[in-house]
Amino acid sequence: MKSTLQGTSARQGFRIAGTALLAFTIAASIPACYQPGGGWFSTTDRGFVYISTPTRPVSITLVDTRNGEPFFHMDIPAGKQLTFKFVEGEGSGPRAEPTKMLWEVWDAHTEFGSLHNQMVCPPRACRRIDVTFRPSPEDPPPDPTLIVPPASVPPSPGSDAPEAGTPTPDRPKD
């Protein structure tokens, strides 16, 4: 009887471990969560979010502090956010991996997604983030899905209106 209980206990342990492994795998496959200020578990490894609004348009410049040269600059359009994070390189010598910056421009207040753009950047100790504000107000970029006819085009005449320059037959000439 005692060996049967121990076998059940071992099976439950494996079941719990398998469930935990499955939950971890699912959580690792979900795109990262990005929030201004870092969210609940804010660290420098989580990423950075800068939101630009019409009343506070933001520009971001990343500077290599070894030589003072900027290696990334973006004027974030109003109504958008720049989200980026750094993946530190590892190793040394010819097999060293460089540090990468992953980034994306999204609509403002987007919290989930994958960062598709990447570039090589200086290591953690050799970079600085400069935030500047442009003059405001700034209009958001036009929505390409919204079709508005130009105001300079006059409305087309109806089917019963005469064409310009053609006299009507029942009107006497002067």
Protein backbone atom coordinates (compact mmCIF):
# COMPACT_ATOMS: atom_id res chain seq x y z
CA MET A 1 0.00 0.00 0.00
CA LYS A 2 2.82 2.37 0.87
CA SER A 3 4.56 1.87 -2.51
CA THR A 4 1.32 2.69 -4.36
CA LEU A 5 1.02 6.03 -2.58
CA GLN A 6 4.63 6.89 -3.37
CA GLY A 7 4.05 6.08 -7.05
CA THR A 8 1.00 8.34 -7.12
CA SER A 9 2.94 11.11 -5.46
CA ALA A 10 5.74 10.80 -8.03
CA ARG A 11 3.26 10.90 -10.92
CA GLN A 12 1.65 14.04 -9.49
CA GLY A 13 5.09 15.62 -9.17
CA PHE A 14 5.84 14.87 -12.83
CA ARG A 15 2.42 16.21 -13.82
CA ILE A 16 3.01 19.46 -11.90
CA ALA A 17 6.51 19.83 -13.37
CA GLY A 18 5.16 19.20 -16.88
CA THR A 19 2.40 21.79 -16.39
CA ALA A 20 4.92 24.33 -15.10
CA LEU A 21 7.20 23.70 -18.08
CA LEU A 22 4.29 24.11 -20.49
CA ALA A 23 3.22 27.37 -18.82
CA PHE A 24 6.78 28.71 -19.00
CA THR A 25 7.06 27.78 -22.69
CA ILE A 26 3.78 29.56 -23.50
CA ALA A 27 4.79 32.65 -21.51
CA ALA A 28 8.18 32.78 -23.26
CA SER A 29 6.53 32.67 -26.70
CA ILE A 30 4.22 35.65 -26.05
CA PRO A 31 5.64 38.96 -27.33
CA ALA A 32 7.04 41.23 -24.65
CA CYS A 33 5.01 43.80 -22.75
CA TYR A 34 6.22 47.39 -23.11
CA GLN A 35 4.95 50.32 -21.05
CA PRO A 36 6.26 53.82 -20.31
CA GLY A 37 8.17 53.63 -17.06
CA GLY A 38 8.77 49.89 -17.49
CA GLY A 39 5.47 48.49 -16.24
CA TRP A 40 5.25 46.17 -13.23
CA PHE A 41 8.71 44.61 -13.49
CA SER A 42 10.74 47.55 -14.75
CA THR A 43 14.40 46.89 -15.53
CA THR A 44 16.68 48.20 -18.23
CA ASP A 45 16.41 44.79 -19.90
CA ARG A 46 12.63 45.19 -20.41
CA GLY A 47 12.86 48.02 -22.90
CA PHE A 48 12.16 51.71 -23.25
CA VAL A 49 8.96 53.42 -24.46
CA TYR A 50 8.71 57.07 -25.51
CA ILE A 51 5.30 58.42 -26.58
CA SER A 52 5.03 61.54 -28.72
CA THR A 53 1.83 63.62 -28.54
CA PRO A 54 0.69 66.73 -30.45
CA THR A 55 1.33 68.86 -27.36
CA ARG A 56 4.64 67.15 -26.49
CA PRO A 57 6.43 65.88 -29.62
CA VAL A 58 9.50 63.86 -28.66
CA SER A 59 12.86 63.27 -30.35
CA ILE A 60 15.22 60.52 -29.20
CA THR A 61 18.97 60.47 -29.83
CA LEU A 62 21.22 57.61 -28.74
CA VAL A 63 24.83 58.68 -28.30
CA ASP A 64 28.05 56.64 -28.20
CA THR A 65 29.79 58.18 -25.17
CA ARG A 66 33.24 56.96 -26.30
CA ASN A 67 33.32 59.52 -29.12
CA GLY A 68 30.19 61.65 -28.53
CA GLU A 69 28.71 60.62 -31.89
CA PRO A 70 24.98 59.84 -32.19
CA PHE A 71 24.31 56.38 -33.59
CA PHE A 72 20.48 56.63 -33.68
CA HIS A 73 18.09 59.57 -33.95
CA MET A 74 14.34 59.68 -34.43
CA ASP A 75 11.74 62.44 -34.41
CA ILE A 76 8.80 60.37 -33.20
CA PRO A 77 5.62 61.44 -35.05
CA ALA A 78 2.77 62.76 -32.89
CA GLY A 79 0.41 59.96 -31.87
CA LYS A 80 3.15 57.31 -32.13
CA GLN A 81 5.60 55.69 -29.75
CA LEU A 82 9.16 54.51 -30.13
CA THR A 83 9.80 51.23 -28.31
CA PHE A 84 13.29 49.79 -28.08
CA LYS A 85 15.41 47.45 -26.02
CA PHE A 86 19.02 46.38 -25.91
CA VAL A 87 20.29 42.81 -26.13
CA GLU A 88 23.77 42.77 -24.66
CA GLY A 89 26.44 40.89 -26.58
CA GLU A 90 28.44 38.11 -24.96
CA GLY A 91 31.89 36.63 -25.33
CA SER A 92 35.22 38.15 -26.24
CA GLY A 93 37.73 37.98 -29.08
CA PRO A 94 36.70 36.97 -32.62
CA ARG A 95 33.62 35.05 -31.40
CA ALA A 96 32.17 38.01 -29.49
CA GLU A 97 28.57 38.86 -30.25
CA PRO A 98 27.85 42.57 -30.61
CA THR A 99 25.26 44.39 -28.56
CA LYS A 100 22.04 44.90 -30.56
CA MET A 101 19.24 47.40 -30.30
CA LEU A 102 15.79 46.13 -31.30
CA TRP A 103 13.22 48.83 -32.05
CA GLU A 104 9.81 49.56 -33.54
CA VAL A 105 7.49 52.55 -34.03
CA TRP A 106 3.90 51.78 -33.03
CA ASP A 107 0.68 53.67 -32.38
CA ALA A 108 0.74 55.36 -28.98
CA HIS A 109 0.00 53.18 -25.93
CA THR A 110 0.75 49.86 -27.68
CA GLU A 111 1.94 47.46 -24.98
CA PHE A 112 2.46 44.16 -26.79
CA GLY A 113 4.37 43.31 -29.91
CA SER A 114 7.61 42.13 -31.45
CA LEU A 115 10.49 44.45 -32.24
CA HIS A 116 11.50 43.75 -35.85
CA ASN A 117 14.12 46.43 -36.58
CA GLN A 118 17.64 45.90 -35.26
CA MET A 119 21.03 47.51 -35.36
CA VAL A 120 24.43 47.02 -33.75
CA CYS A 121 25.11 49.51 -30.97
CA PRO A 122 27.71 50.29 -28.28
CA PRO A 123 27.72 48.26 -25.06
CA ARG A 124 25.74 49.34 -21.97
CA ALA A 125 28.52 51.44 -20.40
CA CYS A 126 29.11 53.40 -23.62
CA ARG A 127 25.68 54.70 -24.61
CA ARG A 128 23.41 57.52 -23.52
CA ILE A 129 19.75 58.30 -24.29
CA ASP A 130 19.03 61.99 -24.99
CA VAL A 131 15.36 63.02 -24.97
CA THR A 132 14.37 66.38 -26.47
CA PHE A 133 11.00 68.00 -27.08
CA ARG A 134 10.18 69.71 -30.36
CA PRO A 135 8.04 72.87 -30.61
CA SER A 136 4.34 72.19 -30.19
CA PRO A 137 1.58 71.82 -31.19
CA GLU A 138 2.38 69.30 -33.87
CA ASP A 139 -0.27 67.63 -35.99
CA PRO A 140 -0.28 63.85 -36.15
CA PRO A 141 0.66 62.39 -39.55
CA PRO A 142 -2.24 62.04 -41.99
CA ASP A 143 -4.09 58.75 -41.92
CA PRO A 144 -3.44 57.02 -45.28
CA THR A 145 -6.65 54.99 -44.96
CA LEU A 146 -8.80 58.13 -44.83
CA ILE A 147 -9.70 59.38 -48.32
CA VAL A 148 -10.70 63.02 -48.44
CA PRO A 149 -11.34 64.70 -51.81
CA PRO A 150 -9.23 67.82 -52.37
CA ALA A 151 -11.06 71.09 -51.66
CA SER A 152 -9.72 72.71 -54.86
CA VAL A 153 -11.69 70.40 -57.18
CA PRO A 154 -15.13 71.89 -57.98
CA PRO A 155 -18.08 69.52 -57.76
CA SER A 156 -18.99 67.91 -61.04
CA PRO A 157 -22.19 69.21 -62.72
CA GLY A 158 -25.28 67.05 -62.63
CA SER A 159 -26.53 65.19 -65.70
CA ASP A 160 -29.17 67.86 -66.45
CA ALA A 161 -26.82 70.89 -66.20
CA PRO A 162 -25.55 72.31 -69.49
CA GLU A 163 -21.87 72.12 -70.31
CA ALA A 164 -19.95 75.37 -69.91
CA GLY A 165 -19.75 77.38 -73.13
CA THR A 166 -22.60 75.64 -74.99
CA PRO A 167 -25.70 77.82 -75.53
CA THR A 168 -29.10 76.39 -74.69
CA PRO A 169 -31.35 76.05 -77.78
CA ASP A 170 -34.45 77.76 -76.32
CA ARG A 171 -32.64 80.90 -75.17
CA PRO A 172 -32.76 83.92 -77.52
CA LYS A 173 -29.46 85.41 -78.61
CA ASP A 174 -28.79 89.07 -77.79
